Amino acid sequence: MKYQQGDVILRKVTKNLKEGKKLDHLVLAEGEATGHNHRITEGIASLIMLDKILHLEVFSETAKLEHQEHNEIILPKGKYEIGIVKEYDPFEDEIRQVRD
């Protein structure tokens, strides 16, 4: 199962996150251009860094992911790997992150 909000994509996983480092915030990504951010505003959740990959674990039945310029997303309980959408520019022959 996948969820996408702007340039942030979340993929449900079954990994054991106990070995990861728990972060002290709930901001999944910050926008470089606007200063806006993708963050959990409701529900009980934790961000965990594991093997240089950011993960979200939602402990409550649901959690709300908000961004100032995108529709909110209601995430069900579970574990998610967080990534940034990439795009290919055939004229420059390069792959780059999409900027929100």
N, C-alpha and C. Protein backbone atom coordinates (compact mmCIF):
# COMPACT_ATOMS: atom_id res chain seq x y z
N MET A 1 0.84 -1.16 0.00
CA MET A 1 0.00 0.00 0.00
C MET A 1 0.89 1.23 0.00
N LYS A 2 0.58 2.22 -0.84
CA LYS A 2 1.35 3.44 -0.96
C LYS A 2 0.44 4.66 -0.79
N TYR A 3 1.02 5.71 -0.25
CA TYR A 3 0.35 7.00 -0.10
C TYR A 3 1.31 8.07 -0.60
N GLN A 4 0.77 9.09 -1.26
CA GLN A 4 1.63 10.17 -1.74
C GLN A 4 0.98 11.51 -1.43
N GLN A 5 1.79 12.43 -0.93
CA GLN A 5 1.36 13.79 -0.66
C GLN A 5 2.45 14.70 -1.23
N GLY A 6 2.17 15.30 -2.40
CA GLY A 6 3.18 16.12 -3.06
C GLY A 6 4.38 15.27 -3.43
N ASP A 7 5.55 15.67 -2.97
CA ASP A 7 6.78 14.95 -3.30
C ASP A 7 7.12 13.85 -2.29
N VAL A 8 6.30 13.68 -1.26
CA VAL A 8 6.54 12.66 -0.23
C VAL A 8 5.71 11.43 -0.54
N ILE A 9 6.36 10.28 -0.51
CA ILE A 9 5.67 9.02 -0.74
C ILE A 9 5.91 8.09 0.45
N LEU A 10 4.87 7.42 0.89
CA LEU A 10 4.96 6.49 2.01
C LEU A 10 4.55 5.11 1.53
N ARG A 11 5.33 4.11 1.88
CA ARG A 11 5.05 2.73 1.49
C ARG A 11 4.96 1.89 2.76
N LYS A 12 3.85 1.18 2.91
CA LYS A 12 3.65 0.35 4.09
C LYS A 12 4.66 -0.80 4.09
N VAL A 13 5.28 -1.04 5.25
CA VAL A 13 6.29 -2.09 5.38
C VAL A 13 6.01 -2.92 6.63
N THR A 14 6.71 -4.04 6.75
CA THR A 14 6.57 -4.90 7.92
C THR A 14 7.89 -5.02 8.67
N LYS A 15 8.81 -4.09 8.47
CA LYS A 15 10.13 -4.12 9.10
C LYS A 15 10.04 -4.01 10.62
N ASN A 16 11.06 -4.55 11.28
CA ASN A 16 11.23 -4.35 12.70
C ASN A 16 11.99 -3.03 12.88
N LEU A 17 11.36 -2.04 13.47
CA LEU A 17 11.96 -0.72 13.62
C LEU A 17 12.62 -0.50 14.97
N LYS A 18 12.65 -1.52 15.81
CA LYS A 18 13.19 -1.38 17.16
C LYS A 18 14.67 -1.01 17.18
N GLU A 19 15.42 -1.37 16.14
CA GLU A 19 16.85 -1.07 16.08
C GLU A 19 17.13 0.36 15.62
N GLY A 20 16.11 1.05 15.15
CA GLY A 20 16.29 2.40 14.62
C GLY A 20 16.36 3.46 15.71
N LYS A 21 16.71 4.67 15.29
CA LYS A 21 16.80 5.82 16.20
C LYS A 21 15.50 6.61 16.13
N LYS A 22 14.83 6.74 17.27
CA LYS A 22 13.58 7.50 17.35
C LYS A 22 13.91 8.99 17.32
N LEU A 23 13.22 9.73 16.44
CA LEU A 23 13.43 11.17 16.33
C LEU A 23 12.45 11.90 17.23
N ASP A 24 12.78 13.14 17.59
CA ASP A 24 11.96 13.89 18.54
C ASP A 24 10.99 14.86 17.86
N HIS A 25 10.63 14.60 16.62
CA HIS A 25 9.67 15.44 15.89
C HIS A 25 8.83 14.57 14.98
N LEU A 26 7.82 15.16 14.36
CA LEU A 26 6.93 14.42 13.45
C LEU A 26 6.85 15.10 12.08
N VAL A 27 7.94 15.75 11.66
CA VAL A 27 8.02 16.37 10.34
C VAL A 27 8.68 15.37 9.39
N LEU A 28 7.92 14.89 8.41
CA LEU A 28 8.44 13.90 7.47
C LEU A 28 9.37 14.52 6.45
N ALA A 29 9.05 15.75 6.02
CA ALA A 29 9.89 16.44 5.03
C ALA A 29 9.55 17.93 5.06
N GLU A 30 10.57 18.74 4.77
CA GLU A 30 10.37 20.18 4.67
C GLU A 30 10.55 20.62 3.24
N GLY A 31 9.71 21.55 2.80
CA GLY A 31 9.79 22.07 1.44
C GLY A 31 10.93 23.05 1.29
N GLU A 32 11.77 22.85 0.27
CA GLU A 32 12.90 23.74 0.04
C GLU A 32 12.44 25.08 -0.50
N ALA A 33 11.43 25.08 -1.35
CA ALA A 33 11.00 26.30 -2.03
C ALA A 33 10.08 27.16 -1.17
N THR A 34 9.17 26.53 -0.43
CA THR A 34 8.12 27.29 0.27
C THR A 34 8.32 27.38 1.77
N GLY A 35 9.12 26.50 2.34
CA GLY A 35 9.25 26.45 3.79
C GLY A 35 8.14 25.68 4.47
N HIS A 36 7.18 25.16 3.68
CA HIS A 36 6.11 24.34 4.23
C HIS A 36 6.66 22.97 4.60
N ASN A 37 5.85 22.18 5.31
CA ASN A 37 6.34 20.85 5.68
C ASN A 37 5.21 19.82 5.67
N HIS A 38 5.62 18.58 5.58
CA HIS A 38 4.73 17.42 5.67
C HIS A 38 4.89 16.91 7.10
N ARG A 39 3.80 16.93 7.87
CA ARG A 39 3.94 16.53 9.27
C ARG A 39 2.68 15.85 9.78
N ILE A 40 2.88 15.03 10.78
CA ILE A 40 1.77 14.37 11.46
C ILE A 40 1.20 15.37 12.47
N THR A 41 -0.10 15.64 12.36
CA THR A 41 -0.73 16.62 13.26
C THR A 41 -1.73 15.99 14.22
N GLU A 42 -2.18 14.79 13.93
CA GLU A 42 -3.11 14.09 14.83
C GLU A 42 -2.76 12.62 14.86
N GLY A 43 -2.99 12.01 16.01
CA GLY A 43 -2.69 10.59 16.17
C GLY A 43 -1.40 10.39 16.94
N ILE A 44 -1.14 9.15 17.28
CA ILE A 44 0.07 8.79 18.02
C ILE A 44 1.01 8.10 17.05
N ALA A 45 2.20 8.70 16.86
CA ALA A 45 3.14 8.17 15.88
C ALA A 45 4.57 8.53 16.28
N SER A 46 5.53 7.87 15.63
CA SER A 46 6.95 8.15 15.83
C SER A 46 7.66 8.10 14.49
N LEU A 47 8.66 8.96 14.35
CA LEU A 47 9.57 8.88 13.20
C LEU A 47 10.82 8.17 13.66
N ILE A 48 11.30 7.25 12.84
CA ILE A 48 12.45 6.42 13.18
C ILE A 48 13.40 6.39 12.00
N MET A 49 14.69 6.62 12.26
CA MET A 49 15.72 6.50 11.23
C MET A 49 16.34 5.12 11.36
N LEU A 50 16.27 4.34 10.31
CA LEU A 50 16.82 2.98 10.31
C LEU A 50 17.54 2.77 8.99
N ASP A 51 18.82 2.45 9.06
CA ASP A 51 19.63 2.21 7.86
C ASP A 51 19.57 3.38 6.88
N LYS A 52 19.64 4.61 7.42
CA LYS A 52 19.64 5.85 6.64
C LYS A 52 18.33 6.09 5.89
N ILE A 53 17.27 5.40 6.30
CA ILE A 53 15.95 5.57 5.69
C ILE A 53 14.99 6.00 6.79
N LEU A 54 14.20 7.04 6.51
CA LEU A 54 13.22 7.52 7.47
C LEU A 54 11.97 6.65 7.43
N HIS A 55 11.47 6.31 8.60
CA HIS A 55 10.26 5.49 8.73
C HIS A 55 9.28 6.18 9.67
N LEU A 56 8.02 5.89 9.47
CA LEU A 56 6.95 6.38 10.34
C LEU A 56 6.23 5.17 10.89
N GLU A 57 6.00 5.19 12.20
CA GLU A 57 5.17 4.15 12.80
C GLU A 57 3.96 4.83 13.43
N VAL A 58 2.78 4.43 12.98
CA VAL A 58 1.53 4.96 13.51
C VAL A 58 1.00 3.95 14.53
N PHE A 59 0.87 4.38 15.79
CA PHE A 59 0.41 3.50 16.86
C PHE A 59 -1.10 3.59 17.07
N SER A 60 -1.67 4.77 16.85
CA SER A 60 -3.13 4.94 16.99
C SER A 60 -3.82 4.33 15.77
N GLU A 61 -5.13 4.24 15.82
CA GLU A 61 -5.86 3.64 14.69
C GLU A 61 -5.60 4.40 13.39
N THR A 62 -5.46 5.72 13.48
CA THR A 62 -5.13 6.54 12.31
C THR A 62 -4.26 7.72 12.76
N ALA A 63 -3.59 8.33 11.79
CA ALA A 63 -2.83 9.56 12.01
C ALA A 63 -3.06 10.46 10.80
N LYS A 64 -3.07 11.76 11.05
CA LYS A 64 -3.31 12.72 9.97
C LYS A 64 -1.98 13.32 9.51
N LEU A 65 -1.72 13.21 8.19
CA LEU A 65 -0.55 13.83 7.57
C LEU A 65 -1.02 15.09 6.87
N GLU A 66 -0.45 16.23 7.25
CA GLU A 66 -0.87 17.51 6.68
C GLU A 66 0.29 18.24 6.01
N HIS A 67 -0.07 19.08 5.06
CA HIS A 67 0.84 20.00 4.37
C HIS A 67 0.01 21.20 3.98
N GLN A 68 0.61 22.37 4.00
CA GLN A 68 -0.12 23.60 3.77
C GLN A 68 -0.69 23.71 2.35
N GLU A 69 -0.15 22.99 1.38
CA GLU A 69 -0.60 23.12 -0.01
C GLU A 69 -1.22 21.85 -0.60
N HIS A 70 -1.35 20.80 0.21
CA HIS A 70 -1.89 19.53 -0.29
C HIS A 70 -3.03 19.08 0.59
N ASN A 71 -3.84 18.19 0.06
CA ASN A 71 -4.91 17.59 0.86
C ASN A 71 -4.30 16.73 1.95
N GLU A 72 -4.98 16.70 3.09
CA GLU A 72 -4.52 15.84 4.18
C GLU A 72 -4.70 14.38 3.80
N ILE A 73 -3.92 13.54 4.43
CA ILE A 73 -4.02 12.09 4.24
C ILE A 73 -4.21 11.46 5.61
N ILE A 74 -5.15 10.55 5.69
CA ILE A 74 -5.37 9.78 6.92
C ILE A 74 -4.67 8.44 6.74
N LEU A 75 -3.66 8.21 7.55
CA LEU A 75 -2.87 6.98 7.48
C LEU A 75 -3.36 5.99 8.52
N PRO A 76 -3.61 4.75 8.12
CA PRO A 76 -3.99 3.74 9.12
C PRO A 76 -2.79 3.28 9.94
N LYS A 77 -3.08 2.68 11.06
CA LYS A 77 -2.07 2.11 11.95
C LYS A 77 -1.11 1.24 11.15
N GLY A 78 0.19 1.37 11.44
CA GLY A 78 1.17 0.54 10.75
C GLY A 78 2.52 1.23 10.64
N LYS A 79 3.40 0.60 9.87
CA LYS A 79 4.77 1.08 9.67
C LYS A 79 4.94 1.47 8.21
N TYR A 80 5.64 2.59 7.98
CA TYR A 80 5.80 3.13 6.64
C TYR A 80 7.24 3.55 6.40
N GLU A 81 7.72 3.28 5.20
CA GLU A 81 9.00 3.80 4.75
C GLU A 81 8.70 5.10 4.01
N ILE A 82 9.48 6.14 4.27
CA ILE A 82 9.24 7.45 3.69
C ILE A 82 10.29 7.74 2.63
N GLY A 83 9.83 8.17 1.47
CA GLY A 83 10.74 8.52 0.39
C GLY A 83 10.32 9.82 -0.27
N ILE A 84 11.20 10.32 -1.11
CA ILE A 84 10.93 11.53 -1.89
C ILE A 84 10.84 11.11 -3.35
N VAL A 85 9.80 11.58 -4.02
CA VAL A 85 9.57 11.24 -5.43
C VAL A 85 10.72 11.80 -6.26
N LYS A 86 11.18 11.00 -7.22
CA LYS A 86 12.24 11.42 -8.12
C LYS A 86 11.69 11.55 -9.53
N GLU A 87 12.33 12.39 -10.34
CA GLU A 87 11.91 12.56 -11.72
C GLU A 87 13.14 12.45 -12.63
N TYR A 88 12.90 12.03 -13.85
CA TYR A 88 13.97 11.90 -14.83
C TYR A 88 13.83 13.01 -15.85
N ASP A 89 14.93 13.73 -16.09
CA ASP A 89 14.97 14.79 -17.10
C ASP A 89 15.76 14.27 -18.29
N PRO A 90 15.07 13.88 -19.37
CA PRO A 90 15.77 13.30 -20.52
C PRO A 90 16.68 14.30 -21.23
N PHE A 91 16.41 15.58 -21.12
CA PHE A 91 17.25 16.59 -21.77
C PHE A 91 18.58 16.77 -21.04
N GLU A 92 18.55 16.60 -19.74
CA GLU A 92 19.77 16.71 -18.93
C GLU A 92 20.36 15.34 -18.61
N ASP A 93 19.61 14.26 -18.95
CA ASP A 93 20.01 12.89 -18.65
C ASP A 93 20.37 12.74 -17.17
N GLU A 94 19.45 13.17 -16.31
CA GLU A 94 19.68 13.07 -14.88
C GLU A 94 18.39 12.75 -14.14
N ILE A 95 18.58 12.14 -12.98
CA ILE A 95 17.47 11.86 -12.09
C ILE A 95 17.62 12.81 -10.91
N ARG A 96 16.52 13.47 -10.53
CA ARG A 96 16.59 14.41 -9.42
C ARG A 96 15.32 14.31 -8.58
N GLN A 97 15.43 14.79 -7.34
CA GLN A 97 14.28 14.79 -6.44
C GLN A 97 13.29 15.85 -6.89
N VAL A 98 12.02 15.53 -6.77
CA VAL A 98 10.97 16.51 -7.02
C VAL A 98 10.98 17.46 -5.83
N ARG A 99 10.87 18.75 -6.10
CA ARG A 99 10.89 19.74 -5.01
C ARG A 99 9.49 20.28 -4.80
N ASP A 100 9.09 20.30 -3.54
CA ASP A 100 7.75 20.73 -3.15
C ASP A 100 7.75 22.23 -2.92
